[in-house]
PDB file of N, CA and C in Angstrom:
ATOM      1  N   UNK A   1      31.014  37.465  25.163  1.00  0.00           N
ATOM      2  CA  UNK A   1      31.522  37.126  23.849  1.00  0.00           C
ATOM      3  C   UNK A   1      32.766  37.961  23.588  1.00  0.00           C
ATOM      4  N   UNK A   2      33.830  37.284  23.257  1.00  0.00           N
ATOM      5  CA  UNK A   2      35.111  37.950  22.993  1.00  0.00           C
ATOM      6  C   UNK A   2      35.234  38.310  21.529  1.00  0.00           C
ATOM      7  N   UNK A   3      35.753  39.480  21.294  1.00  0.00           N
ATOM      8  CA  UNK A   3      35.998  39.906  19.919  1.00  0.00           C
ATOM      9  C   UNK A   3      37.362  39.392  19.483  1.00  0.00           C
ATOM     10  N   UNK A   4      37.456  38.946  18.254  1.00  0.00           N
ATOM     11  CA  UNK A   4      38.716  38.420  17.749  1.00  0.00           C
ATOM     12  C   UNK A   4      39.414  39.455  16.867  1.00  0.00           C
ATOM     13  N   UNK A   5      39.421  40.681  17.317  1.00  0.00           N
ATOM     14  CA  UNK A   5      40.060  41.746  16.552  1.00  0.00           C
ATOM     15  C   UNK A   5      41.538  41.771  16.931  1.00  0.00           C
ATOM     16  N   UNK A   6      42.356  41.636  15.940  1.00  0.00           N
ATOM     17  CA  UNK A   6      43.799  41.673  16.179  1.00  0.00           C
ATOM     18  C   UNK A   6      44.308  43.054  15.835  1.00  0.00           C
ATOM     19  N   UNK A   7      45.097  43.571  16.704  1.00  0.00           N
ATOM     20  CA  UNK A   7      45.635  44.908  16.480  1.00  0.00           C
ATOM     21  C   UNK A   7      47.058  44.794  15.947  1.00  0.00           C
ATOM     22  N   UNK A   8      47.300  45.528  14.917  1.00  0.00           N
ATOM     23  CA  UNK A   8      48.648  45.555  14.343  1.00  0.00           C
ATOM     24  C   UNK A   8      49.523  46.453  15.198  1.00  0.00           C
ATOM     25  N   UNK A   9      50.745  46.088  15.286  1.00  0.00           N
ATOM     26  CA  UNK A   9      51.708  46.910  16.016  1.00  0.00           C
ATOM     27  C   UNK A   9      51.872  48.231  15.261  1.00  0.00           C
ATOM     28  N   UNK A  10      51.980  49.378  15.974  1.00  0.00           N
ATOM     29  CA  UNK A  10      52.097  50.674  15.293  1.00  0.00           C
ATOM     30  C   UNK A  10      53.218  50.730  14.260  1.00  0.00           C
ATOM     31  N   UNK A  11      54.300  50.016  14.498  1.00  0.00           N
ATOM     32  CA  UNK A  11      55.412  50.065  13.541  1.00  0.00           C
ATOM     33  C   UNK A  11      55.079  49.359  12.232  1.00  0.00           C
ATOM     34  N   UNK A  12      54.017  48.554  12.223  1.00  0.00           N
ATOM     35  CA  UNK A  12      53.629  47.862  10.992  1.00  0.00           C
ATOM     36  C   UNK A  12      53.126  48.836   9.936  1.00  0.00           C
ATOM     37  N   UNK A  13      52.649  49.999  10.351  1.00  0.00           N
ATOM     38  CA  UNK A  13      52.147  50.998   9.405  1.00  0.00           C
ATOM     39  C   UNK A  13      53.250  51.854   8.814  1.00  0.00           C
ATOM     40  N   UNK A  14      54.431  51.818   9.368  1.00  0.00           N
ATOM     41  CA  UNK A  14      55.520  52.698   8.900  1.00  0.00           C
ATOM     42  C   UNK A  14      55.875  52.521   7.432  1.00  0.00           C
ATOM     43  N   UNK A  15      56.029  51.315   6.923  1.00  0.00           N
ATOM     44  CA  UNK A  15      56.351  51.188   5.489  1.00  0.00           C
ATOM     45  C   UNK A  15      55.273  51.811   4.594  1.00  0.00           C
ATOM     46  N   UNK A  16      54.012  51.624   4.946  1.00  0.00           N
ATOM     47  CA  UNK A  16      52.934  52.195   4.139  1.00  0.00           C
ATOM     48  C   UNK A  16      52.976  53.716   4.194  1.00  0.00           C
ATOM     49  N   UNK A  17      53.235  54.267   5.366  1.00  0.00           N
ATOM     50  CA  UNK A  17      53.332  55.721   5.494  1.00  0.00           C
ATOM     51  C   UNK A  17      54.519  56.265   4.712  1.00  0.00           C
ATOM     52  N   UNK A  18      55.630  55.559   4.748  1.00  0.00           N
ATOM     53  CA  UNK A  18      56.814  55.990   4.005  1.00  0.00           C
ATOM     54  C   UNK A  18      56.539  55.976   2.508  1.00  0.00           C
ATOM     55  N   UNK A  19      55.875  54.946   2.032  1.00  0.00           N
ATOM     56  CA  UNK A  19      55.534  54.864   0.615  1.00  0.00           C
ATOM     57  C   UNK A  19      54.596  56.000   0.216  1.00  0.00           C
ATOM     58  N   UNK A  20      53.614  56.295   1.049  1.00  0.00           N
ATOM     59  CA  UNK A  20      52.681  57.394   0.761  1.00  0.00           C
ATOM     60  C   UNK A  20      53.424  58.721   0.697  1.00  0.00           C
ATOM     61  N   UNK A  21      54.375  58.936   1.593  1.00  0.00           N
ATOM     62  CA  UNK A  21      55.144  60.181   1.590  1.00  0.00           C
ATOM     63  C   UNK A  21      55.963  60.311   0.314  1.00  0.00           C
ATOM     64  N   UNK A  22      56.552  59.220  -0.141  1.00  0.00           N
ATOM     65  CA  UNK A  22      57.350  59.249  -1.372  1.00  0.00           C
ATOM     66  C   UNK A  22      56.465  59.557  -2.575  1.00  0.00           C
ATOM     67  N   UNK A  23      55.306  58.923  -2.642  1.00  0.00           N
ATOM     68  CA  UNK A  23      54.390  59.155  -3.760  1.00  0.00           C
ATOM     69  C   UNK A  23      53.929  60.606  -3.776  1.00  0.00           C
ATOM     70  N   UNK A  24      53.549  61.126  -2.618  1.00  0.00           N
ATOM     71  CA  UNK A  24      53.089  62.513  -2.549  1.00  0.00           C
ATOM     72  C   UNK A  24      54.204  63.490  -2.883  1.00  0.00           C
ATOM     73  N   UNK A  25      55.410  63.214  -2.439  1.00  0.00           N
ATOM     74  CA  UNK A  25      56.535  64.098  -2.750  1.00  0.00           C
ATOM     75  C   UNK A  25      56.809  64.110  -4.243  1.00  0.00           C
ATOM     76  N   UNK A  26      56.656  62.975  -4.888  1.00  0.00           N
ATOM     77  CA  UNK A  26      56.877  62.902  -6.322  1.00  0.00           C
ATOM     78  C   UNK A  26      55.808  63.589  -7.137  1.00  0.00           C
ATOM     79  N   UNK A  27      54.676  63.842  -6.529  1.00  0.00           N
ATOM     80  CA  UNK A  27      53.563  64.468  -7.236  1.00  0.00           C
ATOM     81  C   UNK A  27      53.545  65.985  -7.078  1.00  0.00           C
ATOM     82  N   UNK A  28      54.520  66.539  -6.396  1.00  0.00           N
ATOM     83  CA  UNK A  28      54.522  67.992  -6.231  1.00  0.00           C
ATOM     84  C   UNK A  28      54.670  68.646  -7.590  1.00  0.00           C
ATOM     85  N   UNK A  29      54.007  69.743  -7.743  1.00  0.00           N
ATOM     86  CA  UNK A  29      53.986  70.450  -9.024  1.00  0.00           C
ATOM     87  C   UNK A  29      55.317  71.159  -9.274  1.00  0.00           C
ATOM     88  N   UNK A  30      55.892  70.886 -10.404  1.00  0.00           N
ATOM     89  CA  UNK A  30      57.084  71.597 -10.836  1.00  0.00           C
ATOM     90  C   UNK A  30      56.674  72.575 -11.925  1.00  0.00           C
ATOM     91  N   UNK A  31      57.144  73.809 -11.843  1.00  0.00           N
ATOM     92  CA  UNK A  31      56.764  74.776 -12.876  1.00  0.00           C
ATOM     93  C   UNK A  31      57.321  74.363 -14.237  1.00  0.00           C
ATOM     94  N   UNK A  32      56.610  74.720 -15.274  1.00  0.00           N
ATOM     95  CA  UNK A  32      57.097  74.473 -16.632  1.00  0.00           C
ATOM     96  C   UNK A  32      58.024  75.610 -17.012  1.00  0.00           C
ATOM     97  N   UNK A  33      59.071  75.275 -17.676  1.00  0.00           N
ATOM     98  CA  UNK A  33      60.038  76.265 -18.124  1.00  0.00           C
ATOM     99  C   UNK A  33      59.971  76.356 -19.636  1.00  0.00           C
ATOM    100  N   UNK A  34      59.629  77.508 -20.126  1.00  0.00           N
ATOM    101  CA  UNK A  34      59.593  77.751 -21.563  1.00  0.00           C
ATOM    102  C   UNK A  34      60.869  78.487 -21.958  1.00  0.00           C
ATOM    103  N   UNK A  35      61.464  78.138 -23.091  1.00  0.00           N
ATOM    104  CA  UNK A  35      62.682  78.840 -23.525  1.00  0.00           C
ATOM    105  C   UNK A  35      62.435  80.348 -23.642  1.00  0.00           C
ATOM    106  N   UNK A  36      63.397  81.115 -23.187  1.00  0.00           N
ATOM    107  CA  UNK A  36      63.319  82.573 -23.233  1.00  0.00           C
ATOM    108  C   UNK A  36      64.706  83.105 -23.590  1.00  0.00           C
ATOM    109  N   UNK A  37      64.829  83.606 -24.815  1.00  0.00           N
ATOM    110  CA  UNK A  37      66.121  84.101 -25.278  1.00  0.00           C
ATOM    111  C   UNK A  37      66.481  85.404 -24.559  1.00  0.00           C
ATOM    112  N   UNK A  38      67.705  85.455 -24.068  1.00  0.00           N
ATOM    113  CA  UNK A  38      68.233  86.658 -23.424  1.00  0.00           C
ATOM    114  C   UNK A  38      69.511  87.080 -24.142  1.00  0.00           C
ATOM    115  N   UNK A  39      69.877  88.321 -23.960  1.00  0.00           N
ATOM    116  CA  UNK A  39      71.157  88.795 -24.498  1.00  0.00           C
ATOM    117  C   UNK A  39      72.279  87.989 -23.834  1.00  0.00           C
ATOM    118  N   UNK A  40      73.359  87.704 -24.559  1.00  0.00           N
ATOM    119  CA  UNK A  40      74.448  86.907 -23.994  1.00  0.00           C
ATOM    120  C   UNK A  40      74.971  87.446 -22.652  1.00  0.00           C
ATOM    121  N   UNK A  41      75.096  88.741 -22.516  1.00  0.00           N
ATOM    122  CA  UNK A  41      75.597  89.308 -21.258  1.00  0.00           C
ATOM    123  C   UNK A  41      74.621  89.065 -20.112  1.00  0.00           C
ATOM    124  N   UNK A  42      73.337  89.162 -20.407  1.00  0.00           N
ATOM    125  CA  UNK A  42      72.325  88.929 -19.368  1.00  0.00           C
ATOM    126  C   UNK A  42      72.320  87.452 -18.947  1.00  0.00           C
ATOM    127  N   UNK A  43      72.442  86.556 -19.925  1.00  0.00           N
ATOM    128  CA  UNK A  43      72.508  85.127 -19.618  1.00  0.00           C
ATOM    129  C   UNK A  43      73.746  84.833 -18.770  1.00  0.00           C
ATOM    130  N   UNK A  44      74.872  85.397 -19.137  1.00  0.00           N
ATOM    131  CA  UNK A  44      76.114  85.161 -18.388  1.00  0.00           C
ATOM    132  C   UNK A  44      75.990  85.654 -16.947  1.00  0.00           C
ATOM    133  N   UNK A  45      75.347  86.809 -16.760  1.00  0.00           N
ATOM    134  CA  UNK A  45      75.169  87.344 -15.408  1.00  0.00           C
ATOM    135  C   UNK A  45      74.253  86.430 -14.578  1.00  0.00           C
ATOM    136  N   UNK A  46      73.171  85.950 -15.175  1.00  0.00           N
ATOM    137  CA  UNK A  46      72.276  85.026 -14.473  1.00  0.00           C
ATOM    138  C   UNK A  46      72.983  83.715 -14.151  1.00  0.00           C
ATOM    139  N   UNK A  47      73.748  83.225 -15.106  1.00  0.00           N
ATOM    140  CA  UNK A  47      74.489  81.981 -14.901  1.00  0.00           C
ATOM    141  C   UNK A  47      75.442  82.126 -13.721  1.00  0.00           C
ATOM    142  N   UNK A  48      76.113  83.270 -13.616  1.00  0.00           N
ATOM    143  CA  UNK A  48      77.037  83.508 -12.503  1.00  0.00           C
ATOM    144  C   UNK A  48      76.289  83.560 -11.168  1.00  0.00           C
ATOM    145  N   UNK A  49      75.131  84.215 -11.157  1.00  0.00           N
ATOM    146  CA  UNK A  49      74.338  84.288  -9.911  1.00  0.00           C
ATOM    147  C   UNK A  49      73.856  82.896  -9.488  1.00  0.00           C
ATOM    148  N   UNK A  50      73.342  82.137 -10.438  1.00  0.00           N
ATOM    149  CA  UNK A  50      72.849  80.792 -10.132  1.00  0.00           C
ATOM    150  C   UNK A  50      74.013  79.895  -9.709  1.00  0.00           C
ATOM    151  N   UNK A  51      75.158  80.065 -10.333  1.00  0.00           N
ATOM    152  CA  UNK A  51      76.337  79.309  -9.922  1.00  0.00           C
ATOM    153  C   UNK A  51      76.650  79.596  -8.456  1.00  0.00           C
ATOM    154  N   UNK A  52      76.583  80.867  -8.075  1.00  0.00           N
ATOM    155  CA  UNK A  52      76.826  81.229  -6.676  1.00  0.00           C
ATOM    156  C   UNK A  52      75.826  80.581  -5.734  1.00  0.00           C
ATOM    157  N   UNK A  53      74.554  80.566  -6.127  1.00  0.00           N
ATOM    158  CA  UNK A  53      73.529  79.901  -5.302  1.00  0.00           C
ATOM    159  C   UNK A  53      73.837  78.410  -5.193  1.00  0.00           C
ATOM    160  N   UNK A  54      74.193  77.791  -6.311  1.00  0.00           N
ATOM    161  CA  UNK A  54      74.465  76.353  -6.318  1.00  0.00           C
ATOM    162  C   UNK A  54      75.707  76.027  -5.489  1.00  0.00           C
ATOM    163  N   UNK A  55      76.735  76.857  -5.560  1.00  0.00           N
ATOM    164  CA  UNK A  55      77.935  76.625  -4.748  1.00  0.00           C
ATOM    165  C   UNK A  55      77.557  76.659  -3.263  1.00  0.00           C
ATOM    166  N   UNK A  56      76.759  77.638  -2.890  1.00  0.00           N
ATOM    167  CA  UNK A  56      76.355  77.771  -1.490  1.00  0.00           C
ATOM    168  C   UNK A  56      75.537  76.577  -1.011  1.00  0.00           C
ATOM    169  N   UNK A  57      74.588  76.133  -1.804  1.00  0.00           N
ATOM    170  CA  UNK A  57      73.639  75.126  -1.340  1.00  0.00           C
ATOM    171  C   UNK A  57      73.919  73.703  -1.812  1.00  0.00           C
ATOM    172  N   UNK A  58      74.713  73.542  -2.865  1.00  0.00           N
ATOM    173  CA  UNK A  58      74.951  72.212  -3.430  1.00  0.00           C
ATOM    174  C   UNK A  58      76.439  71.879  -3.540  1.00  0.00           C
ATOM    175  N   UNK A  59      77.282  72.852  -3.231  1.00  0.00           N
ATOM    176  CA  UNK A  59      78.716  72.722  -3.481  1.00  0.00           C
ATOM    177  C   UNK A  59      79.423  71.613  -2.737  1.00  0.00           C
ATOM    178  N   UNK A  60      78.943  71.245  -1.569  1.00  0.00           N
ATOM    179  CA  UNK A  60      79.668  70.219  -0.820  1.00  0.00           C
ATOM    180  C   UNK A  60      79.738  68.897  -1.578  1.00  0.00           C
ATOM    181  N   UNK A  61      78.742  68.603  -2.384  1.00  0.00           N
ATOM    182  CA  UNK A  61      78.731  67.365  -3.178  1.00  0.00           C
ATOM    183  C   UNK A  61      79.144  67.589  -4.632  1.00  0.00           C
ATOM    184  N   UNK A  62      78.884  68.782  -5.166  1.00  0.00           N
ATOM    185  CA  UNK A  62      79.057  69.054  -6.596  1.00  0.00           C
ATOM    186  C   UNK A  62      80.290  69.895  -6.914  1.00  0.00           C
ATOM    187  N   UNK A  63      81.317  69.856  -6.067  1.00  0.00           N
ATOM    188  CA  UNK A  63      82.579  70.553  -6.374  1.00  0.00           C
ATOM    189  C   UNK A  63      83.718  69.553  -6.258  1.00  0.00           C
ATOM    190  N   UNK A  64      84.327  69.256  -7.397  1.00  0.00           N
ATOM    191  CA  UNK A  64      85.384  68.240  -7.432  1.00  0.00           C
ATOM    192  C   UNK A  64      86.596  68.623  -6.595  1.00  0.00           C
ATOM    193  N   UNK A  65      86.759  69.891  -6.285  1.00  0.00           N
ATOM    194  CA  UNK A  65      87.916  70.335  -5.509  1.00  0.00           C
ATOM    195  C   UNK A  65      87.762  70.086  -4.006  1.00  0.00           C
ATOM    196  N   UNK A  66      86.589  69.659  -3.578  1.00  0.00           N
ATOM    197  CA  UNK A  66      86.352  69.442  -2.155  1.00  0.00           C
ATOM    198  C   UNK A  66      86.410  67.960  -1.794  1.00  0.00           C
ATOM    199  N   UNK A  67      86.902  67.649  -0.604  1.00  0.00           N
ATOM    200  CA  UNK A  67      86.946  66.238  -0.193  1.00  0.00           C
ATOM    201  C   UNK A  67      85.550  65.652   0.042  1.00  0.00           C
ATOM    202  N   UNK A  68      84.545  66.494   0.170  1.00  0.00           N
ATOM    203  CA  UNK A  68      83.173  66.029   0.386  1.00  0.00           C
ATOM    204  C   UNK A  68      82.443  65.718  -0.919  1.00  0.00           C
ATOM    205  N   UNK A  69      83.106  65.965  -2.051  1.00  0.00           N
ATOM    206  CA  UNK A  69      82.478  65.725  -3.357  1.00  0.00           C
ATOM    207  C   UNK A  69      82.080  64.262  -3.489  1.00  0.00           C
ATOM    208  N   UNK A  70      80.946  64.045  -4.146  1.00  0.00           N
ATOM    209  CA  UNK A  70      80.445  62.692  -4.352  1.00  0.00           C
ATOM    210  C   UNK A  70      80.502  62.370  -5.846  1.00  0.00           C
ATOM    211  N   UNK A  71      81.094  61.244  -6.211  1.00  0.00           N
ATOM    212  CA  UNK A  71      81.207  60.886  -7.627  1.00  0.00           C
ATOM    213  C   UNK A  71      79.875  60.910  -8.376  1.00  0.00           C
ATOM    214  N   UNK A  72      78.820  60.410  -7.761  1.00  0.00           N
ATOM    215  CA  UNK A  72      77.515  60.407  -8.435  1.00  0.00           C
ATOM    216  C   UNK A  72      77.026  61.835  -8.681  1.00  0.00           C
ATOM    217  N   UNK A  73      77.276  62.729  -7.734  1.00  0.00           N
ATOM    218  CA  UNK A  73      76.877  64.130  -7.895  1.00  0.00           C
ATOM    219  C   UNK A  73      77.710  64.803  -8.985  1.00  0.00           C
ATOM    220  N   UNK A  74      78.998  64.522  -9.011  1.00  0.00           N
ATOM    221  CA  UNK A  74      79.881  65.115 -10.016  1.00  0.00           C
ATOM    222  C   UNK A  74      79.545  64.631 -11.424  1.00  0.00           C
ATOM    223  N   UNK A  75      78.984  63.451 -11.518  1.00  0.00           N
ATOM    224  CA  UNK A  75      78.569  62.947 -12.835  1.00  0.00           C
ATOM    225  C   UNK A  75      77.390  63.753 -13.384  1.00  0.00           C
ATOM    226  N   UNK A  76      76.628  64.383 -12.506  1.00  0.00           N
ATOM    227  CA  UNK A  76      75.487  65.204 -12.926  1.00  0.00           C
ATOM    228  C   UNK A  76      75.965  66.595 -13.306  1.00  0.00           C
ATOM    229  N   UNK A  77      76.721  67.238 -12.422  1.00  0.00           N
ATOM    230  CA  UNK A  77      77.382  68.507 -12.731  1.00  0.00           C
ATOM    231  C   UNK A  77      78.449  68.783 -11.696  1.00  0.00           C
ATOM    232  N   UNK A  78      79.497  69.459 -12.154  1.00  0.00           N
ATOM    233  CA  UNK A  78      80.630  69.822 -11.306  1.00  0.00           C
ATOM    234  C   UNK A  78      80.744  71.342 -11.321  1.00  0.00           C
ATOM    235  N   UNK A  79      80.487  71.954 -10.184  1.00  0.00           N
ATOM    236  CA  UNK A  79      80.502  73.415 -10.093  1.00  0.00           C
ATOM    237  C   UNK A  79      81.901  74.001 -10.257  1.00  0.00           C
ATOM    238  N   UNK A  80      82.935  73.167 -10.221  1.00  0.00           N
ATOM    239  CA  UNK A  80      84.296  73.644 -10.470  1.00  0.00           C
ATOM    240  C   UNK A  80      84.619  73.692 -11.960  1.00  0.00           C
ATOM    241  N   UNK A  81      83.758  73.114 -12.769  1.00  0.00           N
ATOM    242  CA  UNK A  81      83.964  73.101 -14.213  1.00  0.00           C
ATOM    243  C   UNK A  81      83.414  74.373 -14.838  1.00  0.00           C
ATOM    244  N   UNK A  82      84.133  74.908 -15.809  1.00  0.00           N
ATOM    245  CA  UNK A  82      83.651  76.097 -16.516  1.00  0.00           C
ATOM    246  C   UNK A  82      82.352  75.803 -17.261  1.00  0.00           C
ATOM    247  N   UNK A  83      82.129  74.549 -17.621  1.00  0.00           N
ATOM    248  CA  UNK A  83      80.918  74.161 -18.356  1.00  0.00           C
ATOM    249  C   UNK A  83      79.921  73.430 -17.452  1.00  0.00           C
ATOM    250  N   UNK A  84      79.865  73.819 -16.187  1.00  0.00           N
ATOM    251  CA  UNK A  84      79.012  73.118 -15.217  1.00  0.00           C
ATOM    252  C   UNK A  84      77.552  73.027 -15.671  1.00  0.00           C
ATOM    253  N   UNK A  85      77.001  74.117 -16.204  1.00  0.00           N
ATOM    254  CA  UNK A  85      75.575  74.094 -16.573  1.00  0.00           C
ATOM    255  C   UNK A  85      75.333  73.255 -17.820  1.00  0.00           C
ATOM    256  N   UNK A  86      76.316  73.148 -18.680  1.00  0.00           N
ATOM    257  CA  UNK A  86      76.172  72.346 -19.889  1.00  0.00           C
ATOM    258  C   UNK A  86      76.154  70.853 -19.569  1.00  0.00           C
ATOM    259  N   UNK A  87      76.686  70.496 -18.389  1.00  0.00           N
ATOM    260  CA  UNK A  87      76.692  69.098 -17.970  1.00  0.00           C
ATOM    261  C   UNK A  87      75.282  68.616 -17.622  1.00  0.00           C
ATOM    262  N   UNK A  88      74.404  69.537 -17.236  1.00  0.00           N
ATOM    263  CA  UNK A  88      73.039  69.174 -16.863  1.00  0.00           C
ATOM    264  C   UNK A  88      72.242  68.786 -18.109  1.00  0.00           C
ATOM    265  N   UNK A  89      71.609  67.635 -18.070  1.00  0.00           N
ATOM    266  CA  UNK A  89      70.715  67.275 -19.167  1.00  0.00           C
ATOM    267  C   UNK A  89      69.507  68.214 -19.115  1.00  0.00           C
ATOM    268  N   UNK A  90      68.760  68.286 -20.189  1.00  0.00           N
ATOM    269  CA  UNK A  90      67.561  69.122 -20.214  1.00  0.00           C
ATOM    270  C   UNK A  90      66.599  68.670 -19.114  1.00  0.00           C
ATOM    271  N   UNK A  91      66.430  67.366 -18.949  1.00  0.00           N
ATOM    272  CA  UNK A  91      65.519  66.851 -17.920  1.00  0.00           C
ATOM    273  C   UNK A  91      65.960  67.298 -16.528  1.00  0.00           C
ATOM    274  N   UNK A  92      67.244  67.199 -16.255  1.00  0.00           N
ATOM    275  CA  UNK A  92      67.731  67.618 -14.928  1.00  0.00           C
ATOM    276  C   UNK A  92      67.682  69.131 -14.773  1.00  0.00           C
ATOM    277  N   UNK A  93      67.933  69.839 -15.843  1.00  0.00           N
ATOM    278  CA  UNK A  93      67.867  71.302 -15.802  1.00  0.00           C
ATOM    279  C   UNK A  93      66.449  71.761 -15.460  1.00  0.00           C
ATOM    280  N   UNK A  94      65.459  71.067 -15.987  1.00  0.00           N
ATOM    281  CA  UNK A  94      64.071  71.458 -15.773  1.00  0.00           C
ATOM    282  C   UNK A  94      63.464  70.869 -14.500  1.00  0.00           C
ATOM    283  N   UNK A  95      64.009  69.802 -13.972  1.00  0.00           N
ATOM    284  CA  UNK A  95      63.367  69.111 -12.848  1.00  0.00           C
ATOM    285  C   UNK A  95      64.241  69.036 -11.602  1.00  0.00           C
ATOM    286  N   UNK A  96      65.212  68.178 -11.601  1.00  0.00           N
ATOM    287  CA  UNK A  96      66.007  67.946 -10.396  1.00  0.00           C
ATOM    288  C   UNK A  96      66.754  69.162  -9.886  1.00  0.00           C
ATOM    289  N   UNK A  97      67.404  69.882 -10.776  1.00  0.00           N
ATOM    290  CA  UNK A  97      68.192  71.043 -10.371  1.00  0.00           C
ATOM    291  C   UNK A  97      67.322  72.106  -9.691  1.00  0.00           C
ATOM    292  N   UNK A  98      66.232  72.559 -10.313  1.00  0.00           N
ATOM    293  CA  UNK A  98      65.416  73.571  -9.631  1.00  0.00           C
ATOM    294  C   UNK A  98      64.673  73.029  -8.412  1.00  0.00           C
ATOM    295  N   UNK A  99      64.265  71.763  -8.453  1.00  0.00           N
ATOM    296  CA  UNK A  99      63.538  71.198  -7.317  1.00  0.00           C
ATOM    297  C   UNK A  99      64.406  71.217  -6.060  1.00  0.00           C
ATOM    298  N   UNK A 100      65.666  70.890  -6.216  1.00  0.00           N
ATOM    299  CA  UNK A 100      66.554  70.861  -5.056  1.00  0.00           C
ATOM    300  C   UNK A 100      66.993  72.252  -4.621  1.00  0.00           C
ATOM    301  N   UNK A 101      67.138  73.151  -5.556  1.00  0.00           N
ATOM    302  CA  UNK A 101      67.675  74.477  -5.247  1.00  0.00           C
ATOM    303  C   UNK A 101      66.585  75.473  -4.862  1.00  0.00           C
ATOM    304  N   UNK A 102      65.420  75.397  -5.481  1.00  0.00           N
ATOM    305  CA  UNK A 102      64.335  76.359  -5.242  1.00  0.00           C
ATOM    306  C   UNK A 102      63.995  76.538  -3.770  1.00  0.00           C
ATOM    307  N   UNK A 103      63.891  75.456  -3.043  1.00  0.00           N
ATOM    308  CA  UNK A 103      63.474  75.518  -1.638  1.00  0.00           C
ATOM    309  C   UNK A 103      64.466  76.277  -0.768  1.00  0.00           C
ATOM    310  N   UNK A 104      65.678  76.409  -1.239  1.00  0.00           N
ATOM    311  CA  UNK A 104      66.718  77.067  -0.441  1.00  0.00           C
ATOM    312  C   UNK A 104      66.904  78.533  -0.802  1.00  0.00           C
ATOM    313  N   UNK A 105      66.195  79.008  -1.803  1.00  0.00           N
ATOM    314  CA  UNK A 105      66.383  80.377  -2.287  1.00  0.00           C
ATOM    315  C   UNK A 105      65.238  81.288  -1.870  1.00  0.00           C
ATOM    316  N   UNK A 106      65.540  82.568  -1.768  1.00  0.00           N
ATOM    317  CA  UNK A 106      64.478  83.552  -1.543  1.00  0.00           C
ATOM    318  C   UNK A 106      63.805  83.831  -2.886  1.00  0.00           C
ATOM    319  N   UNK A 107      62.819  84.705  -2.887  1.00  0.00           N
ATOM    320  CA  UNK A 107      62.052  84.967  -4.114  1.00  0.00           C
ATOM    321  C   UNK A 107      62.943  85.491  -5.240  1.00  0.00           C
ATOM    322  N   UNK A 108      63.881  86.362  -4.929  1.00  0.00           N
ATOM    323  CA  UNK A 108      64.793  86.888  -5.955  1.00  0.00           C
ATOM    324  C   UNK A 108      65.640  85.763  -6.537  1.00  0.00           C
ATOM    325  N   UNK A 109      66.157  84.915  -5.682  1.00  0.00           N
ATOM    326  CA  UNK A 109      66.962  83.786  -6.142  1.00  0.00           C
ATOM    327  C   UNK A 109      66.162  82.824  -6.994  1.00  0.00           C
ATOM    328  N   UNK A 110      64.912  82.564  -6.605  1.00  0.00           N
ATOM    329  CA  UNK A 110      64.056  81.674  -7.402  1.00  0.00           C
ATOM    330  C   UNK A 110      63.781  82.263  -8.780  1.00  0.00           C
ATOM    331  N   UNK A 111      63.579  83.579  -8.848  1.00  0.00           N
ATOM    332  CA  UNK A 111      63.344  84.224 -10.143  1.00  0.00           C
ATOM    333  C   UNK A 111      64.607  84.171 -11.005  1.00  0.00           C
ATOM    334  N   UNK A 112      65.770  84.364 -10.396  1.00  0.00           N
ATOM    335  CA  UNK A 112      67.029  84.261 -11.135  1.00  0.00           C
ATOM    336  C   UNK A 112      67.200  82.841 -11.678  1.00  0.00           C
ATOM    337  N   UNK A 113      66.911  81.858 -10.859  1.00  0.00           N
ATOM    338  CA  UNK A 113      67.022  80.467 -11.287  1.00  0.00           C
ATOM    339  C   UNK A 113      66.074  80.183 -12.445  1.00  0.00           C
ATOM    340  N   UNK A 114      64.840  80.635 -12.320  1.00  0.00           N
ATOM    341  CA  UNK A 114      63.854  80.417 -13.383  1.00  0.00           C
ATOM    342  C   UNK A 114      64.308  81.070 -14.693  1.00  0.00           C
ATOM    343  N   UNK A 115      64.736  82.317 -14.623  1.00  0.00           N
ATOM    344  CA  UNK A 115      65.185  83.026 -15.830  1.00  0.00           C
ATOM    345  C   UNK A 115      66.402  82.351 -16.446  1.00  0.00           C
ATOM    346  N   UNK A 116      67.321  81.896 -15.610  1.00  0.00           N
ATOM    347  CA  UNK A 116      68.512  81.203 -16.113  1.00  0.00           C
ATOM    348  C   UNK A 116      68.114  79.928 -16.853  1.00  0.00           C
ATOM    349  N   UNK A 117      67.233  79.138 -16.254  1.00  0.00           N
ATOM    350  CA  UNK A 117      66.815  77.884 -16.892  1.00  0.00           C
ATOM    351  C   UNK A 117      66.124  78.169 -18.223  1.00  0.00           C
ATOM    352  N   UNK A 118      65.254  79.153 -18.258  1.00  0.00           N
ATOM    353  CA  UNK A 118      64.575  79.503 -19.506  1.00  0.00           C
ATOM    354  C   UNK A 118      65.575  79.953 -20.567  1.00  0.00           C
ATOM    355  N   UNK A 119      66.550  80.736 -20.156  1.00  0.00           N
ATOM    356  CA  UNK A 119      67.557  81.200 -21.100  1.00  0.00           C
ATOM    357  C   UNK A 119      68.442  80.052 -21.582  1.00  0.00           C
ATOM    358  N   UNK A 120      68.799  79.179 -20.668  1.00  0.00           N
ATOM    359  CA  UNK A 120      69.634  78.014 -21.027  1.00  0.00           C
ATOM    360  C   UNK A 120      68.879  77.129 -22.014  1.00  0.00           C
ATOM    361  N   UNK A 121      67.598  76.938 -21.799  1.00  0.00           N
ATOM    362  CA  UNK A 121      66.797  76.136 -22.741  1.00  0.00           C
ATOM    363  C   UNK A 121      66.753  76.780 -24.117  1.00  0.00           C
ATOM    364  N   UNK A 122      66.634  78.103 -24.165  1.00  0.00           N
ATOM    365  CA  UNK A 122      66.619  78.806 -25.443  1.00  0.00           C
ATOM    366  C   UNK A 122      67.948  78.638 -26.169  1.00  0.00           C
ATOM    367  N   UNK A 123      69.052  78.719 -25.442  1.00  0.00           N
ATOM    368  CA  UNK A 123      70.375  78.521 -26.066  1.00  0.00           C
ATOM    369  C   UNK A 123      70.510  77.111 -26.633  1.00  0.00           C
ATOM    370  N   UNK A 124      70.032  76.142 -25.899  1.00  0.00           N
ATOM    371  CA  UNK A 124      70.155  74.759 -26.351  1.00  0.00           C
ATOM    372  C   UNK A 124      69.256  74.469 -27.541  1.00  0.00           C
ATOM    373  N   UNK A 125      68.192  75.234 -27.704  1.00  0.00           N
ATOM    374  CA  UNK A 125      67.267  75.013 -28.819  1.00  0.00           C
ATOM    375  C   UNK A 125      67.784  75.596 -30.124  1.00  0.00           C
ATOM    376  N   UNK A 126      68.819  76.422 -30.065  1.00  0.00           N
ATOM    377  CA  UNK A 126      69.354  77.066 -31.277  1.00  0.00           C
ATOM    378  C   UNK A 126      70.089  76.097 -32.155  1.00  0.00           C
TER     379      UNK A 126
END
């Protein structure tokens, strides 16, 4: 007696696996950022440090002065602008910006980023 079991080609599972990876990646926990007021000088120093981290890790797309700049990235924020952090919406400041940058920073850099975001949120709430 022959079994009528049909085997799917291994590549047929790829779309399902890709979808599962996207769903799982979207479910990663993002820390909550609560506003934390800092002295203006302390906020400015953190902003400068985070700007340096962003230039290093995100600058190829987010610096209008470079030929590698991408219009869609510049619409989110331009690191060549004096008001680069103000260009970030609150949602992007709390989610996309740290999600992309956190993985590239050491513990000190991650703490600087977190403190900067909390301070920026406090300034915007005033």
